[in-house]
PDB file of N, CA and C in Angstrom:
ATOM      1  N   UNK A   1      -5.468 -36.763  -9.086  1.00  0.00           N
ATOM      2  CA  UNK A   1      -4.938 -35.490  -8.612  1.00  0.00           C
ATOM      3  C   UNK A   1      -5.107 -34.421  -9.684  1.00  0.00           C
ATOM      4  N   UNK A   2      -4.842 -34.795 -10.921  1.00  0.00           N
ATOM      5  CA  UNK A   2      -4.984 -33.815 -11.998  1.00  0.00           C
ATOM      6  C   UNK A   2      -6.426 -33.352 -12.130  1.00  0.00           C
ATOM      7  N   UNK A   3      -7.372 -34.271 -11.967  1.00  0.00           N
ATOM      8  CA  UNK A   3      -8.774 -33.902 -12.131  1.00  0.00           C
ATOM      9  C   UNK A   3      -9.218 -32.944 -11.026  1.00  0.00           C
ATOM     10  N   UNK A   4      -8.699 -33.108  -9.810  1.00  0.00           N
ATOM     11  CA  UNK A   4      -9.055 -32.206  -8.713  1.00  0.00           C
ATOM     12  C   UNK A   4      -8.544 -30.799  -9.036  1.00  0.00           C
ATOM     13  N   UNK A   5      -7.321 -30.732  -9.501  1.00  0.00           N
ATOM     14  CA  UNK A   5      -6.757 -29.434  -9.880  1.00  0.00           C
ATOM     15  C   UNK A   5      -7.569 -28.813 -11.006  1.00  0.00           C
ATOM     16  N   UNK A   6      -7.943 -29.612 -11.991  1.00  0.00           N
ATOM     17  CA  UNK A   6      -8.700 -29.115 -13.137  1.00  0.00           C
ATOM     18  C   UNK A   6     -10.052 -28.587 -12.685  1.00  0.00           C
ATOM     19  N   UNK A   7     -10.739 -29.313 -11.786  1.00  0.00           N
ATOM     20  CA  UNK A   7     -12.046 -28.870 -11.306  1.00  0.00           C
ATOM     21  C   UNK A   7     -11.925 -27.565 -10.527  1.00  0.00           C
ATOM     22  N   UNK A   8     -10.896 -27.446  -9.730  1.00  0.00           N
ATOM     23  CA  UNK A   8     -10.713 -26.198  -8.975  1.00  0.00           C
ATOM     24  C   UNK A   8     -10.420 -25.034  -9.913  1.00  0.00           C
ATOM     25  N   UNK A   9      -9.620 -25.279 -10.931  1.00  0.00           N
ATOM     26  CA  UNK A   9      -9.299 -24.219 -11.885  1.00  0.00           C
ATOM     27  C   UNK A   9     -10.543 -23.760 -12.624  1.00  0.00           C
ATOM     28  N   UNK A  10     -11.371 -24.709 -13.042  1.00  0.00           N
ATOM     29  CA  UNK A  10     -12.595 -24.365 -13.762  1.00  0.00           C
ATOM     30  C   UNK A  10     -13.538 -23.606 -12.837  1.00  0.00           C
ATOM     31  N   UNK A  11     -13.650 -24.026 -11.588  1.00  0.00           N
ATOM     32  CA  UNK A  11     -14.524 -23.334 -10.639  1.00  0.00           C
ATOM     33  C   UNK A  11     -14.023 -21.917 -10.387  1.00  0.00           C
ATOM     34  N   UNK A  12     -12.731 -21.760 -10.254  1.00  0.00           N
ATOM     35  CA  UNK A  12     -12.171 -20.433 -10.032  1.00  0.00           C
ATOM     36  C   UNK A  12     -12.400 -19.548 -11.245  1.00  0.00           C
ATOM     37  N   UNK A  13     -12.178 -20.081 -12.428  1.00  0.00           N
ATOM     38  CA  UNK A  13     -12.396 -19.298 -13.642  1.00  0.00           C
ATOM     39  C   UNK A  13     -13.868 -18.901 -13.762  1.00  0.00           C
ATOM     40  N   UNK A  14     -14.777 -19.813 -13.438  1.00  0.00           N
ATOM     41  CA  UNK A  14     -16.200 -19.496 -13.506  1.00  0.00           C
ATOM     42  C   UNK A  14     -16.557 -18.403 -12.507  1.00  0.00           C
ATOM     43  N   UNK A  15     -15.967 -18.444 -11.326  1.00  0.00           N
ATOM     44  CA  UNK A  15     -16.239 -17.414 -10.326  1.00  0.00           C
ATOM     45  C   UNK A  15     -15.718 -16.057 -10.792  1.00  0.00           C
ATOM     46  N   UNK A  16     -14.548 -16.039 -11.384  1.00  0.00           N
ATOM     47  CA  UNK A  16     -13.985 -14.771 -11.878  1.00  0.00           C
ATOM     48  C   UNK A  16     -14.864 -14.205 -12.982  1.00  0.00           C
ATOM     49  N   UNK A  17     -15.319 -15.046 -13.895  1.00  0.00           N
ATOM     50  CA  UNK A  17     -16.181 -14.590 -14.982  1.00  0.00           C
ATOM     51  C   UNK A  17     -17.488 -14.056 -14.418  1.00  0.00           C
ATOM     52  N   UNK A  18     -18.069 -14.742 -13.428  1.00  0.00           N
ATOM     53  CA  UNK A  18     -19.329 -14.296 -12.847  1.00  0.00           C
ATOM     54  C   UNK A  18     -19.164 -12.957 -12.141  1.00  0.00           C
ATOM     55  N   UNK A  19     -18.074 -12.792 -11.409  1.00  0.00           N
ATOM     56  CA  UNK A  19     -17.843 -11.531 -10.701  1.00  0.00           C
ATOM     57  C   UNK A  19     -17.619 -10.410 -11.704  1.00  0.00           C
ATOM     58  N   UNK A  20     -16.833 -10.682 -12.728  1.00  0.00           N
ATOM     59  CA  UNK A  20     -16.555  -9.667 -13.730  1.00  0.00           C
ATOM     60  C   UNK A  20     -17.827  -9.269 -14.465  1.00  0.00           C
ATOM     61  N   UNK A  21     -18.640 -10.238 -14.825  1.00  0.00           N
ATOM     62  CA  UNK A  21     -19.888  -9.940 -15.527  1.00  0.00           C
ATOM     63  C   UNK A  21     -20.836  -9.181 -14.609  1.00  0.00           C
ATOM     64  N   UNK A  22     -20.865  -9.515 -13.344  1.00  0.00           N
ATOM     65  CA  UNK A  22     -21.739  -8.822 -12.403  1.00  0.00           C
ATOM     66  C   UNK A  22     -21.296  -7.395 -12.165  1.00  0.00           C
ATOM     67  N   UNK A  23     -19.993  -7.137 -12.178  1.00  0.00           N
ATOM     68  CA  UNK A  23     -19.522  -5.780 -11.925  1.00  0.00           C
ATOM     69  C   UNK A  23     -19.724  -4.884 -13.144  1.00  0.00           C
ATOM     70  N   UNK A  24     -19.881  -5.476 -14.330  1.00  0.00           N
ATOM     71  CA  UNK A  24     -20.095  -4.659 -15.526  1.00  0.00           C
ATOM     72  C   UNK A  24     -21.485  -4.038 -15.497  1.00  0.00           C
ATOM     73  N   UNK A  25     -22.453  -4.718 -14.903  1.00  0.00           N
ATOM     74  CA  UNK A  25     -23.787  -4.156 -14.788  1.00  0.00           C
ATOM     75  C   UNK A  25     -24.580  -4.350 -16.065  1.00  0.00           C
ATOM     76  N   UNK A  26     -25.881  -4.016 -16.004  1.00  0.00           N
ATOM     77  CA  UNK A  26     -26.768  -4.220 -17.149  1.00  0.00           C
ATOM     78  C   UNK A  26     -26.601  -3.128 -18.195  1.00  0.00           C
ATOM     79  N   UNK A  27     -26.006  -2.006 -17.824  1.00  0.00           N
ATOM     80  CA  UNK A  27     -25.889  -0.890 -18.761  1.00  0.00           C
ATOM     81  C   UNK A  27     -24.641  -0.974 -19.612  1.00  0.00           C
ATOM     82  N   UNK A  28     -23.856  -2.019 -19.436  1.00  0.00           N
ATOM     83  CA  UNK A  28     -22.646  -2.159 -20.230  1.00  0.00           C
ATOM     84  C   UNK A  28     -21.420  -1.956 -19.373  1.00  0.00           C
ATOM     85  N   UNK A  29     -20.286  -1.995 -20.006  1.00  0.00           N
ATOM     86  CA  UNK A  29     -19.052  -1.848 -19.228  1.00  0.00           C
ATOM     87  C   UNK A  29     -18.945  -0.464 -18.617  1.00  0.00           C
ATOM     88  N   UNK A  30     -18.394  -0.431 -17.425  1.00  0.00           N
ATOM     89  CA  UNK A  30     -18.218   0.851 -16.749  1.00  0.00           C
ATOM     90  C   UNK A  30     -17.014   1.575 -17.349  1.00  0.00           C
ATOM     91  N   UNK A  31     -17.009   2.905 -17.319  1.00  0.00           N
ATOM     92  CA  UNK A  31     -15.819   3.614 -17.786  1.00  0.00           C
ATOM     93  C   UNK A  31     -14.634   3.302 -16.879  1.00  0.00           C
ATOM     94  N   UNK A  32     -13.472   3.409 -17.436  1.00  0.00           N
ATOM     95  CA  UNK A  32     -12.275   3.114 -16.655  1.00  0.00           C
ATOM     96  C   UNK A  32     -12.187   4.080 -15.484  1.00  0.00           C
ATOM     97  N   UNK A  33     -11.889   3.586 -14.300  1.00  0.00           N
ATOM     98  CA  UNK A  33     -11.791   4.495 -13.156  1.00  0.00           C
ATOM     99  C   UNK A  33     -10.625   5.458 -13.342  1.00  0.00           C
ATOM    100  N   UNK A  34     -10.869   6.692 -12.999  1.00  0.00           N
ATOM    101  CA  UNK A  34      -9.813   7.702 -13.110  1.00  0.00           C
ATOM    102  C   UNK A  34      -8.884   7.553 -11.904  1.00  0.00           C
ATOM    103  N   UNK A  35      -7.625   7.721 -12.152  1.00  0.00           N
ATOM    104  CA  UNK A  35      -6.661   7.626 -11.058  1.00  0.00           C
ATOM    105  C   UNK A  35      -6.865   8.816 -10.134  1.00  0.00           C
ATOM    106  N   UNK A  36      -6.971   8.535  -8.852  1.00  0.00           N
ATOM    107  CA  UNK A  36      -7.154   9.623  -7.897  1.00  0.00           C
ATOM    108  C   UNK A  36      -5.825  10.354  -7.726  1.00  0.00           C
ATOM    109  N   UNK A  37      -5.868  11.684  -7.737  1.00  0.00           N
ATOM    110  CA  UNK A  37      -4.601  12.413  -7.555  1.00  0.00           C
ATOM    111  C   UNK A  37      -4.067  12.185  -6.143  1.00  0.00           C
ATOM    112  N   UNK A  38      -2.823  11.853  -6.092  1.00  0.00           N
ATOM    113  CA  UNK A  38      -2.204  11.621  -4.789  1.00  0.00           C
ATOM    114  C   UNK A  38      -1.716  12.957  -4.240  1.00  0.00           C
ATOM    115  N   UNK A  39      -1.981  13.235  -2.978  1.00  0.00           N
ATOM    116  CA  UNK A  39      -1.492  14.498  -2.411  1.00  0.00           C
ATOM    117  C   UNK A  39       0.035  14.484  -2.365  1.00  0.00           C
ATOM    118  N   UNK A  40       0.600  15.645  -2.611  1.00  0.00           N
ATOM    119  CA  UNK A  40       2.061  15.733  -2.565  1.00  0.00           C
ATOM    120  C   UNK A  40       2.513  15.488  -1.133  1.00  0.00           C
ATOM    121  N   UNK A  41       3.477  14.624  -0.987  1.00  0.00           N
ATOM    122  CA  UNK A  41       3.954  14.334   0.357  1.00  0.00           C
ATOM    123  C   UNK A  41       4.809  15.495   0.839  1.00  0.00           C
ATOM    124  N   UNK A  42       4.465  16.087   1.984  1.00  0.00           N
ATOM    125  CA  UNK A  42       5.287  17.202   2.478  1.00  0.00           C
ATOM    126  C   UNK A  42       6.675  16.697   2.861  1.00  0.00           C
ATOM    127  N   UNK A  43       7.619  17.563   2.725  1.00  0.00           N
ATOM    128  CA  UNK A  43       8.986  17.192   3.097  1.00  0.00           C
ATOM    129  C   UNK A  43       9.018  16.917   4.595  1.00  0.00           C
ATOM    130  N   UNK A  44       9.760  15.921   5.016  1.00  0.00           N
ATOM    131  CA  UNK A  44       9.813  15.648   6.455  1.00  0.00           C
ATOM    132  C   UNK A  44      10.403  16.835   7.212  1.00  0.00           C
ATOM    133  N   UNK A  45       9.852  17.093   8.365  1.00  0.00           N
ATOM    134  CA  UNK A  45      10.336  18.221   9.166  1.00  0.00           C
ATOM    135  C   UNK A  45      11.783  17.952   9.572  1.00  0.00           C
ATOM    136  N   UNK A  46      12.623  18.974   9.480  1.00  0.00           N
ATOM    137  CA  UNK A  46      14.018  18.748   9.887  1.00  0.00           C
ATOM    138  C   UNK A  46      14.065  18.445  11.383  1.00  0.00           C
ATOM    139  N   UNK A  47      14.897  17.504  11.737  1.00  0.00           N
ATOM    140  CA  UNK A  47      14.998  17.157  13.150  1.00  0.00           C
ATOM    141  C   UNK A  47      15.718  18.284  13.882  1.00  0.00           C
ATOM    142  N   UNK A  48      15.253  18.613  15.065  1.00  0.00           N
ATOM    143  CA  UNK A  48      15.918  19.701  15.806  1.00  0.00           C
ATOM    144  C   UNK A  48      17.344  19.299  16.167  1.00  0.00           C
ATOM    145  N   UNK A  49      18.201  20.294  16.213  1.00  0.00           N
ATOM    146  CA  UNK A  49      19.595  20.016  16.560  1.00  0.00           C
ATOM    147  C   UNK A  49      19.649  19.510  17.995  1.00  0.00           C
ATOM    148  N   UNK A  50      20.499  18.544  18.263  1.00  0.00           N
ATOM    149  CA  UNK A  50      20.576  18.051  19.640  1.00  0.00           C
ATOM    150  C   UNK A  50      21.059  19.150  20.582  1.00  0.00           C
ATOM    151  N   UNK A  51      20.449  19.208  21.746  1.00  0.00           N
ATOM    152  CA  UNK A  51      20.832  20.233  22.724  1.00  0.00           C
ATOM    153  C   UNK A  51      22.239  19.931  23.235  1.00  0.00           C
ATOM    154  N   UNK A  52      23.034  20.981  23.423  1.00  0.00           N
ATOM    155  CA  UNK A  52      24.377  20.727  23.952  1.00  0.00           C
ATOM    156  C   UNK A  52      24.267  20.154  25.364  1.00  0.00           C
ATOM    157  N   UNK A  53      25.063  19.154  25.608  1.00  0.00           N
ATOM    158  CA  UNK A  53      25.029  18.493  26.913  1.00  0.00           C
ATOM    159  C   UNK A  53      26.279  18.912  27.681  1.00  0.00           C
ATOM    160  N   UNK A  54      26.050  19.355  28.908  1.00  0.00           N
ATOM    161  CA  UNK A  54      27.193  19.757  29.736  1.00  0.00           C
ATOM    162  C   UNK A  54      28.018  18.518  30.056  1.00  0.00           C
ATOM    163  N   UNK A  55      29.329  18.606  29.917  1.00  0.00           N
ATOM    164  CA  UNK A  55      30.151  17.431  30.204  1.00  0.00           C
ATOM    165  C   UNK A  55      30.090  17.078  31.681  1.00  0.00           C
ATOM    166  N   UNK A  56      30.106  15.812  31.940  1.00  0.00           N
ATOM    167  CA  UNK A  56      30.132  15.363  33.336  1.00  0.00           C
ATOM    168  C   UNK A  56      31.568  15.421  33.831  1.00  0.00           C
ATOM    169  N   UNK A  57      31.761  15.438  35.137  1.00  0.00           N
ATOM    170  CA  UNK A  57      33.129  15.578  35.655  1.00  0.00           C
ATOM    171  C   UNK A  57      34.106  14.537  35.131  1.00  0.00           C
ATOM    172  N   UNK A  58      33.673  13.322  34.913  1.00  0.00           N
ATOM    173  CA  UNK A  58      34.622  12.309  34.466  1.00  0.00           C
ATOM    174  C   UNK A  58      34.976  12.467  32.989  1.00  0.00           C
ATOM    175  N   UNK A  59      34.242  13.316  32.232  1.00  0.00           N
ATOM    176  CA  UNK A  59      34.582  13.544  30.827  1.00  0.00           C
ATOM    177  C   UNK A  59      35.571  14.693  30.669  1.00  0.00           C
ATOM    178  N   UNK A  60      35.851  15.373  31.739  1.00  0.00           N
ATOM    179  CA  UNK A  60      36.725  16.522  31.648  1.00  0.00           C
ATOM    180  C   UNK A  60      35.891  17.760  31.394  1.00  0.00           C
ATOM    181  N   UNK A  61      36.401  18.688  30.664  1.00  0.00           N
ATOM    182  CA  UNK A  61      35.664  19.904  30.381  1.00  0.00           C
ATOM    183  C   UNK A  61      36.444  21.108  30.858  1.00  0.00           C
ATOM    184  N   UNK A  62      35.881  22.271  30.605  1.00  0.00           N
ATOM    185  CA  UNK A  62      36.617  23.472  31.031  1.00  0.00           C
ATOM    186  C   UNK A  62      36.733  23.538  32.555  1.00  0.00           C
ATOM    187  N   UNK A  63      37.897  23.923  33.033  1.00  0.00           N
ATOM    188  CA  UNK A  63      38.100  24.025  34.479  1.00  0.00           C
ATOM    189  C   UNK A  63      37.868  25.446  34.932  1.00  0.00           C
TER     190      UNK A  63
END
């Protein structure tokens, strides 16, 4: 069981190294990517005030 885990770990590490080396390219390491500016999130629109509801007869109300 330990050897299976060890082989998988080595294979994973080799894959990570290969991907990392491939992404660096032949010209050397790429410059660090600049963080993209995030747009300012607009304030949420205020919810409209609920419309007044006329009371139904069983709720009472002005007579």
